[in-house]
Amino acid sequence: MALKILDTCVNCDVCEPVCPNQAIALGAVIYEIAPARCTECVGHYDTPQCVDVCPVECIIVDPDHVESRERLHARYELLSTEGKS
């Protein structure tokens, strides 16, 4: 599953720097999470770091991008080899 930032986001800037996959970026209005890069921190941490630091609790599991833990781990492995020869 990828995570999703709701429109209640206050653009406080704390989620972007804690994302180990660089899946979070400022969109046109609020921060957004790229589903192709989000692993819910599987492979890095026990819990999603963006959720842990969000002061307004506006980050949820995206029902449009439901994936198994195994799939998230496979994405983590793929992303962790990006840019390596």
N, C-alpha and C. Protein backbone atom coordinates (compact mmCIF):
# COMPACT_ATOMS: atom_id res chain seq x y z
N MET A 1 0.84 -1.17 0.00
CA MET A 1 0.00 0.00 0.00
C MET A 1 0.88 1.23 0.00
N ALA A 2 0.48 2.16 -0.72
CA ALA A 2 1.14 3.45 -0.65
C ALA A 2 0.33 4.31 0.31
N LEU A 3 0.97 5.33 0.78
CA LEU A 3 0.27 6.27 1.65
C LEU A 3 -0.21 7.45 0.84
N LYS A 4 -1.10 8.20 1.43
CA LYS A 4 -1.71 9.35 0.76
C LYS A 4 -1.82 10.49 1.76
N ILE A 5 -1.55 11.69 1.30
CA ILE A 5 -1.68 12.87 2.14
C ILE A 5 -3.01 13.54 1.81
N LEU A 6 -3.81 13.74 2.83
CA LEU A 6 -5.13 14.35 2.66
C LEU A 6 -5.02 15.87 2.50
N ASP A 7 -6.10 16.47 2.04
CA ASP A 7 -6.09 17.91 1.82
C ASP A 7 -6.12 18.73 3.12
N THR A 8 -6.10 18.05 4.25
CA THR A 8 -5.98 18.74 5.53
C THR A 8 -4.52 19.05 5.86
N CYS A 9 -3.62 18.67 4.96
CA CYS A 9 -2.19 18.96 5.11
C CYS A 9 -1.99 20.46 5.27
N VAL A 10 -1.11 20.84 6.20
CA VAL A 10 -0.84 22.26 6.45
C VAL A 10 0.53 22.69 5.90
N ASN A 11 1.14 21.83 5.08
CA ASN A 11 2.44 22.13 4.47
C ASN A 11 3.49 22.52 5.50
N CYS A 12 3.57 21.74 6.56
CA CYS A 12 4.52 22.07 7.63
C CYS A 12 5.95 21.65 7.30
N ASP A 13 6.13 20.89 6.23
CA ASP A 13 7.46 20.50 5.74
C ASP A 13 8.17 19.42 6.56
N VAL A 14 7.51 18.74 7.48
CA VAL A 14 8.23 17.75 8.28
C VAL A 14 8.25 16.36 7.64
N CYS A 15 7.33 16.06 6.75
CA CYS A 15 7.27 14.71 6.18
C CYS A 15 8.31 14.47 5.09
N GLU A 16 8.54 15.44 4.27
CA GLU A 16 9.45 15.25 3.11
C GLU A 16 10.85 14.80 3.52
N PRO A 17 11.50 15.46 4.47
CA PRO A 17 12.87 15.06 4.78
C PRO A 17 13.00 13.70 5.47
N VAL A 18 11.93 13.19 6.09
CA VAL A 18 12.05 11.90 6.78
C VAL A 18 11.77 10.70 5.87
N CYS A 19 11.33 10.95 4.65
CA CYS A 19 11.01 9.85 3.73
C CYS A 19 12.30 9.25 3.16
N PRO A 20 12.58 7.99 3.46
CA PRO A 20 13.82 7.38 2.98
C PRO A 20 13.82 7.09 1.48
N ASN A 21 12.66 7.11 0.86
CA ASN A 21 12.54 6.79 -0.57
C ASN A 21 12.35 8.02 -1.45
N GLN A 22 12.39 9.18 -0.86
CA GLN A 22 12.15 10.43 -1.58
C GLN A 22 10.83 10.36 -2.36
N ALA A 23 9.80 9.82 -1.70
CA ALA A 23 8.49 9.66 -2.32
C ALA A 23 7.59 10.86 -2.08
N ILE A 24 8.00 11.78 -1.23
CA ILE A 24 7.16 12.92 -0.88
C ILE A 24 7.74 14.20 -1.48
N ALA A 25 6.86 14.95 -2.13
CA ALA A 25 7.27 16.23 -2.72
C ALA A 25 6.11 17.20 -2.63
N LEU A 26 6.44 18.46 -2.64
CA LEU A 26 5.40 19.50 -2.60
C LEU A 26 4.69 19.52 -3.95
N GLY A 27 3.38 19.35 -3.90
CA GLY A 27 2.57 19.40 -5.11
C GLY A 27 2.08 20.82 -5.36
N ALA A 28 1.06 20.95 -6.17
CA ALA A 28 0.53 22.27 -6.51
C ALA A 28 -0.05 22.98 -5.28
N VAL A 29 -0.63 22.22 -4.37
CA VAL A 29 -1.27 22.82 -3.19
C VAL A 29 -0.71 22.26 -1.89
N ILE A 30 -0.57 20.96 -1.80
CA ILE A 30 -0.09 20.28 -0.59
C ILE A 30 1.00 19.28 -0.98
N TYR A 31 1.61 18.69 0.05
CA TYR A 31 2.59 17.64 -0.22
C TYR A 31 1.86 16.43 -0.80
N GLU A 32 2.56 15.70 -1.66
CA GLU A 32 1.99 14.52 -2.29
C GLU A 32 2.98 13.36 -2.18
N ILE A 33 2.45 12.15 -2.21
CA ILE A 33 3.27 10.95 -2.13
C ILE A 33 3.18 10.22 -3.47
N ALA A 34 4.33 9.91 -4.05
CA ALA A 34 4.38 9.15 -5.31
C ALA A 34 4.22 7.67 -4.98
N PRO A 35 3.11 7.05 -5.38
CA PRO A 35 2.87 5.65 -5.04
C PRO A 35 3.96 4.71 -5.54
N ALA A 36 4.59 5.04 -6.65
CA ALA A 36 5.64 4.18 -7.20
C ALA A 36 6.92 4.19 -6.36
N ARG A 37 7.04 5.14 -5.45
CA ARG A 37 8.23 5.23 -4.60
C ARG A 37 7.94 4.92 -3.14
N CYS A 38 6.68 4.90 -2.75
CA CYS A 38 6.31 4.69 -1.35
C CYS A 38 6.32 3.20 -0.99
N THR A 39 7.06 2.88 0.07
CA THR A 39 7.08 1.50 0.59
C THR A 39 6.53 1.46 2.01
N GLU A 40 5.93 2.54 2.46
CA GLU A 40 5.49 2.68 3.85
C GLU A 40 6.65 2.44 4.81
N CYS A 41 7.85 2.74 4.34
CA CYS A 41 9.11 2.59 5.07
C CYS A 41 9.51 1.14 5.32
N VAL A 42 8.82 0.18 4.68
CA VAL A 42 9.23 -1.23 4.77
C VAL A 42 10.66 -1.32 4.26
N GLY A 43 11.50 -2.02 5.01
CA GLY A 43 12.90 -2.15 4.66
C GLY A 43 13.77 -1.11 5.34
N HIS A 44 13.18 -0.04 5.80
CA HIS A 44 13.92 1.03 6.47
C HIS A 44 13.57 1.12 7.95
N TYR A 45 12.28 1.18 8.24
CA TYR A 45 11.79 1.39 9.60
C TYR A 45 10.59 0.49 9.89
N ASP A 46 10.23 0.38 11.15
CA ASP A 46 9.08 -0.42 11.54
C ASP A 46 7.76 0.28 11.25
N THR A 47 7.77 1.59 11.21
CA THR A 47 6.56 2.37 10.96
C THR A 47 6.85 3.45 9.92
N PRO A 48 5.82 3.88 9.19
CA PRO A 48 6.02 4.97 8.23
C PRO A 48 6.44 6.25 8.96
N GLN A 49 7.59 6.76 8.58
CA GLN A 49 8.13 7.93 9.26
C GLN A 49 7.29 9.18 9.05
N CYS A 50 6.71 9.33 7.87
CA CYS A 50 5.88 10.52 7.62
C CYS A 50 4.67 10.54 8.54
N VAL A 51 4.09 9.38 8.76
CA VAL A 51 2.93 9.28 9.66
C VAL A 51 3.36 9.63 11.08
N ASP A 52 4.53 9.13 11.48
CA ASP A 52 5.02 9.38 12.84
C ASP A 52 5.25 10.87 13.12
N VAL A 53 5.69 11.63 12.12
CA VAL A 53 6.01 13.04 12.37
C VAL A 53 4.88 14.02 12.03
N CYS A 54 3.87 13.57 11.34
CA CYS A 54 2.80 14.47 10.89
C CYS A 54 2.01 15.03 12.09
N PRO A 55 2.02 16.34 12.26
CA PRO A 55 1.33 16.93 13.41
C PRO A 55 -0.20 17.01 13.26
N VAL A 56 -0.71 16.87 12.04
CA VAL A 56 -2.16 16.97 11.84
C VAL A 56 -2.79 15.63 11.45
N GLU A 57 -1.99 14.58 11.47
CA GLU A 57 -2.49 13.22 11.20
C GLU A 57 -3.28 13.16 9.89
N CYS A 58 -2.68 13.66 8.83
CA CYS A 58 -3.37 13.70 7.54
C CYS A 58 -2.83 12.70 6.53
N ILE A 59 -2.03 11.73 6.99
CA ILE A 59 -1.46 10.73 6.09
C ILE A 59 -2.10 9.39 6.38
N ILE A 60 -2.72 8.83 5.34
CA ILE A 60 -3.47 7.58 5.49
C ILE A 60 -3.01 6.57 4.44
N VAL A 61 -3.43 5.32 4.62
CA VAL A 61 -3.21 4.31 3.60
C VAL A 61 -4.09 4.65 2.41
N ASP A 62 -3.51 4.67 1.23
CA ASP A 62 -4.25 5.01 0.01
C ASP A 62 -5.03 3.79 -0.46
N PRO A 63 -6.36 3.85 -0.40
CA PRO A 63 -7.16 2.69 -0.81
C PRO A 63 -7.03 2.36 -2.29
N ASP A 64 -6.51 3.28 -3.08
CA ASP A 64 -6.32 3.03 -4.51
C ASP A 64 -5.00 2.33 -4.82
N HIS A 65 -4.15 2.16 -3.81
CA HIS A 65 -2.85 1.53 -4.01
C HIS A 65 -2.57 0.50 -2.92
N VAL A 66 -3.42 -0.50 -2.82
CA VAL A 66 -3.27 -1.55 -1.81
C VAL A 66 -2.25 -2.57 -2.30
N GLU A 67 -1.23 -2.84 -1.47
CA GLU A 67 -0.19 -3.80 -1.81
C GLU A 67 0.20 -4.59 -0.57
N SER A 68 0.70 -5.79 -0.78
CA SER A 68 1.13 -6.64 0.33
C SER A 68 2.48 -6.15 0.86
N ARG A 69 2.81 -6.58 2.05
CA ARG A 69 4.11 -6.26 2.64
C ARG A 69 5.24 -6.80 1.76
N GLU A 70 5.03 -7.95 1.16
CA GLU A 70 6.04 -8.55 0.28
C GLU A 70 6.28 -7.65 -0.93
N ARG A 71 5.21 -7.12 -1.49
CA ARG A 71 5.33 -6.22 -2.65
C ARG A 71 6.06 -4.93 -2.26
N LEU A 72 5.74 -4.41 -1.08
CA LEU A 72 6.42 -3.21 -0.59
C LEU A 72 7.91 -3.48 -0.39
N HIS A 73 8.23 -4.66 0.13
CA HIS A 73 9.64 -5.01 0.34
C HIS A 73 10.36 -5.16 -0.99
N ALA A 74 9.70 -5.73 -1.99
CA ALA A 74 10.29 -5.85 -3.32
C ALA A 74 10.57 -4.46 -3.90
N ARG A 75 9.66 -3.52 -3.70
CA ARG A 75 9.88 -2.15 -4.16
C ARG A 75 11.06 -1.53 -3.42
N TYR A 76 11.13 -1.76 -2.11
CA TYR A 76 12.27 -1.27 -1.32
C TYR A 76 13.58 -1.77 -1.92
N GLU A 77 13.64 -3.05 -2.23
CA GLU A 77 14.87 -3.64 -2.80
C GLU A 77 15.19 -3.00 -4.16
N LEU A 78 14.19 -2.79 -4.97
CA LEU A 78 14.40 -2.16 -6.27
C LEU A 78 14.90 -0.72 -6.10
N LEU A 79 14.25 0.03 -5.24
CA LEU A 79 14.65 1.42 -5.02
C LEU A 79 16.03 1.54 -4.39
N SER A 80 16.40 0.57 -3.55
CA SER A 80 17.69 0.65 -2.88
C SER A 80 18.85 0.37 -3.82
N THR A 81 18.56 -0.19 -4.99
CA THR A 81 19.62 -0.44 -5.97
C THR A 81 19.66 0.63 -7.07
N GLU A 82 18.73 1.57 -7.04
CA GLU A 82 18.71 2.65 -8.02
C GLU A 82 20.02 3.43 -8.00
N GLY A 83 20.54 3.67 -9.17
CA GLY A 83 21.76 4.46 -9.27
C GLY A 83 23.03 3.72 -8.95
N LYS A 84 22.92 2.45 -8.59
CA LYS A 84 24.12 1.65 -8.30
C LYS A 84 24.44 0.80 -9.52
N SER A 85 25.71 0.63 -9.76
CA SER A 85 26.14 -0.18 -10.91
C SER A 85 26.40 -1.60 -10.51
